[in-house]
């Protein structure tokens, strides 16, 4: 019984860590996309001057 309990807890930990990692990746991608868009807009504004 203890083994099953520990295995279940370990699997829950792994699942939580994977979910958090995915959330960090999505947030990073979102910030990077916004940064790239801002750079493009600044470059276009410079070019239009």
C-alpha atoms as a PDB file:
ATOM      1  CA  UNK A   1       0.000   0.000   0.000  1.00  0.00           C
ATOM      2  CA  UNK A   2       2.775   2.438   0.827  1.00  0.00           C
ATOM      3  CA  UNK A   3       4.380   1.826  -2.558  1.00  0.00           C
ATOM      4  CA  UNK A   4       1.150   2.635  -4.373  1.00  0.00           C
ATOM      5  CA  UNK A   5       0.746   5.790  -2.309  1.00  0.00           C
ATOM      6  CA  UNK A   6       4.285   6.928  -3.043  1.00  0.00           C
ATOM      7  CA  UNK A   7       3.974   6.075  -6.721  1.00  0.00           C
ATOM      8  CA  UNK A   8       0.728   8.035  -6.948  1.00  0.00           C
ATOM      9  CA  UNK A   9       2.257  11.042  -5.184  1.00  0.00           C
ATOM     10  CA  UNK A  10       5.321  10.904  -7.439  1.00  0.00           C
ATOM     11  CA  UNK A  11       3.146  10.732 -10.563  1.00  0.00           C
ATOM     12  CA  UNK A  12       1.109  13.711  -9.314  1.00  0.00           C
ATOM     13  CA  UNK A  13       4.343  15.625  -8.743  1.00  0.00           C
ATOM     14  CA  UNK A  14       5.599  14.812 -12.237  1.00  0.00           C
ATOM     15  CA  UNK A  15       2.264  15.842 -13.773  1.00  0.00           C
ATOM     16  CA  UNK A  16       2.269  19.118 -11.845  1.00  0.00           C
ATOM     17  CA  UNK A  17       5.838  19.872 -12.868  1.00  0.00           C
ATOM     18  CA  UNK A  18       5.042  19.140 -16.518  1.00  0.00           C
ATOM     19  CA  UNK A  19       1.994  21.398 -16.366  1.00  0.00           C
ATOM     20  CA  UNK A  20       4.018  24.228 -14.804  1.00  0.00           C
ATOM     21  CA  UNK A  21       6.765  23.807 -17.404  1.00  0.00           C
ATOM     22  CA  UNK A  22       4.216  24.008 -20.215  1.00  0.00           C
ATOM     23  CA  UNK A  23       2.691  27.135 -18.664  1.00  0.00           C
ATOM     24  CA  UNK A  24       6.157  28.753 -18.508  1.00  0.00           C
ATOM     25  CA  UNK A  25       6.806  27.877 -22.158  1.00  0.00           C
ATOM     26  CA  UNK A  26       3.469  29.322 -23.270  1.00  0.00           C
ATOM     27  CA  UNK A  27       4.049  32.514 -21.260  1.00  0.00           C
ATOM     28  CA  UNK A  28       7.561  32.901 -22.684  1.00  0.00           C
ATOM     29  CA  UNK A  29       6.314  32.417 -26.234  1.00  0.00           C
ATOM     30  CA  UNK A  30       3.564  34.974 -25.671  1.00  0.00           C
ATOM     31  CA  UNK A  31       6.072  37.547 -24.370  1.00  0.00           C
ATOM     32  CA  UNK A  32       8.481  36.811 -27.218  1.00  0.00           C
ATOM     33  CA  UNK A  33       5.746  37.215 -29.842  1.00  0.00           C
ATOM     34  CA  UNK A  34       4.734  40.555 -28.311  1.00  0.00           C
ATOM     35  CA  UNK A  35       8.383  41.683 -28.298  1.00  0.00           C
ATOM     36  CA  UNK A  36       8.875  40.709 -31.944  1.00  0.00           C
ATOM     37  CA  UNK A  37       5.684  42.521 -32.921  1.00  0.00           C
ATOM     38  CA  UNK A  38       6.836  45.659 -31.091  1.00  0.00           C
ATOM     39  CA  UNK A  39      10.213  45.506 -32.848  1.00  0.00           C
ATOM     40  CA  UNK A  40       8.518  45.190 -36.234  1.00  0.00           C
ATOM     41  CA  UNK A  41       6.273  48.155 -35.458  1.00  0.00           C
ATOM     42  CA  UNK A  42       9.240  50.272 -34.374  1.00  0.00           C
ATOM     43  CA  UNK A  43      11.161  49.307 -37.467  1.00  0.00           C
ATOM     44  CA  UNK A  44       8.165  50.162 -39.686  1.00  0.00           C
ATOM     45  CA  UNK A  45       7.735  53.498 -37.900  1.00  0.00           C
ATOM     46  CA  UNK A  46      11.422  54.283 -38.450  1.00  0.00           C
ATOM     47  CA  UNK A  47      11.189  53.323 -42.070  1.00  0.00           C
ATOM     48  CA  UNK A  48       8.140  55.560 -42.618  1.00  0.00           C
ATOM     49  CA  UNK A  49       9.959  58.669 -41.360  1.00  0.00           C
END
